[in-house]
């Protein structure tokens, strides 16, 4: 049974999740842009690559845009060189992650 409290709590948690995703995305982009790949590499070493793939596969363009993330703005900021760096930092599944990112960039709404 869905009560107004449950709906409000669900909305609140959803907004918190959106803010966390945005913050992490912005931080990763800044690290790539500023050449701070050592810090990003440290963070990536602690990430389970299978979990990363599972998580990235949960997202598509519409889900990301629902979180008020402007994909086109990100697409304009991210270069092929940035994606190559990201792929190298991720390691074994880096190419798969980059392919998924490019797919999201190019999906039509």
Protein backbone atom coordinates (compact mmCIF):
# COMPACT_ATOMS: atom_id res chain seq x y z
CA UNK A 1 0.00 0.00 0.00
CA UNK A 2 1.43 3.31 -1.08
CA UNK A 3 0.98 6.05 1.46
CA UNK A 4 1.79 9.72 0.88
CA UNK A 5 4.70 9.30 3.28
CA UNK A 6 6.11 6.35 1.30
CA UNK A 7 5.79 8.27 -1.97
CA UNK A 8 7.49 11.32 -0.48
CA UNK A 9 10.29 9.20 1.00
CA UNK A 10 10.76 7.45 -2.35
CA UNK A 11 10.93 10.83 -4.15
CA UNK A 12 13.47 12.11 -1.63
CA UNK A 13 15.70 9.06 -1.96
CA UNK A 14 15.48 9.28 -5.74
CA UNK A 15 16.60 12.91 -5.65
CA UNK A 16 19.49 12.02 -3.34
CA UNK A 17 20.55 9.26 -5.75
CA UNK A 18 20.40 11.75 -8.65
CA UNK A 19 22.62 14.20 -6.78
CA UNK A 20 25.14 11.48 -5.96
CA UNK A 21 25.32 10.36 -9.61
CA UNK A 22 25.71 13.97 -10.80
CA UNK A 23 28.43 14.69 -8.24
CA UNK A 24 30.38 11.55 -9.15
CA UNK A 25 30.03 12.23 -12.85
CA UNK A 26 31.21 15.82 -12.45
CA UNK A 27 34.14 14.77 -10.27
CA UNK A 28 35.25 12.12 -12.77
CA UNK A 29 35.00 14.58 -15.66
CA UNK A 30 37.04 17.15 -13.77
CA UNK A 31 39.72 14.57 -13.00
CA UNK A 32 39.92 13.58 -16.67
CA UNK A 33 39.98 17.19 -17.89
CA UNK A 34 42.58 18.30 -15.35
CA UNK A 35 44.84 15.37 -16.06
CA UNK A 36 44.38 14.10 -12.50
CA UNK A 37 44.37 10.52 -13.72
CA UNK A 38 46.34 9.19 -10.73
CA UNK A 39 43.45 9.96 -8.39
CA UNK A 40 40.94 8.53 -10.83
CA UNK A 41 43.12 5.43 -11.32
CA UNK A 42 43.19 4.89 -7.54
CA UNK A 43 39.42 5.10 -7.42
CA UNK A 44 39.02 2.75 -10.38
CA UNK A 45 41.27 0.12 -8.78
CA UNK A 46 38.77 -0.12 -5.93
CA UNK A 47 35.79 -0.62 -8.25
CA UNK A 48 34.60 -4.10 -9.12
CA UNK A 49 34.54 -4.00 -12.92
CA UNK A 50 31.61 -6.43 -13.18
CA UNK A 51 29.59 -4.21 -10.83
CA UNK A 52 30.58 -1.20 -12.93
CA UNK A 53 29.28 -2.88 -16.10
CA UNK A 54 26.06 -3.90 -14.35
CA UNK A 55 25.55 -0.35 -13.13
CA UNK A 56 26.30 1.33 -16.46
CA UNK A 57 23.94 -1.08 -18.23
CA UNK A 58 21.13 0.15 -15.97
CA UNK A 59 21.33 3.56 -17.64
CA UNK A 60 20.07 4.80 -20.96
CA UNK A 61 19.61 8.31 -22.30
CA UNK A 62 16.07 8.72 -20.97
CA UNK A 63 16.98 7.57 -17.45
CA UNK A 64 19.94 9.94 -17.36
CA UNK A 65 17.87 12.85 -18.64
CA UNK A 66 15.21 12.08 -16.00
CA UNK A 67 17.98 12.84 -13.50
CA UNK A 68 18.33 16.30 -15.10
CA UNK A 69 21.76 15.52 -16.52
CA UNK A 70 22.31 17.25 -19.84
CA UNK A 71 23.88 14.56 -21.98
CA UNK A 72 24.46 16.90 -24.90
CA UNK A 73 26.45 19.26 -22.65
CA UNK A 74 28.57 16.35 -21.44
CA UNK A 75 29.01 15.13 -25.00
CA UNK A 76 30.37 18.57 -25.98
CA UNK A 77 32.86 18.51 -23.10
CA UNK A 78 34.16 14.95 -23.44
CA UNK A 79 36.72 14.31 -26.15
CA UNK A 80 37.86 11.08 -27.77
CA UNK A 81 41.11 11.51 -25.82
CA UNK A 82 39.12 11.66 -22.56
CA UNK A 83 37.29 8.46 -23.47
CA UNK A 84 40.58 6.77 -24.38
CA UNK A 85 42.04 7.77 -20.99
CA UNK A 86 38.94 6.48 -19.24
CA UNK A 87 39.14 3.17 -21.10
CA UNK A 88 42.78 2.76 -20.13
CA UNK A 89 42.06 3.58 -16.49
CA UNK A 90 39.23 1.06 -16.28
CA UNK A 91 41.33 -1.69 -17.77
CA UNK A 92 39.86 -4.94 -19.10
CA UNK A 93 36.31 -3.68 -19.55
CA UNK A 94 37.24 -0.12 -20.43
CA UNK A 95 36.35 -0.51 -24.09
CA UNK A 96 32.91 -1.87 -23.15
CA UNK A 97 32.25 1.06 -20.82
CA UNK A 98 33.32 3.58 -23.47
CA UNK A 99 31.12 1.85 -26.07
CA UNK A 100 28.14 2.16 -23.69
CA UNK A 101 28.90 5.85 -23.08
CA UNK A 102 29.07 6.51 -26.81
CA UNK A 103 25.82 4.62 -27.30
CA UNK A 104 24.13 6.83 -24.69
CA UNK A 105 25.60 9.94 -26.32
CA UNK A 106 24.17 8.95 -29.69
CA UNK A 107 20.74 7.67 -28.63
CA UNK A 108 17.86 9.69 -29.95
CA UNK A 109 14.97 10.70 -27.76
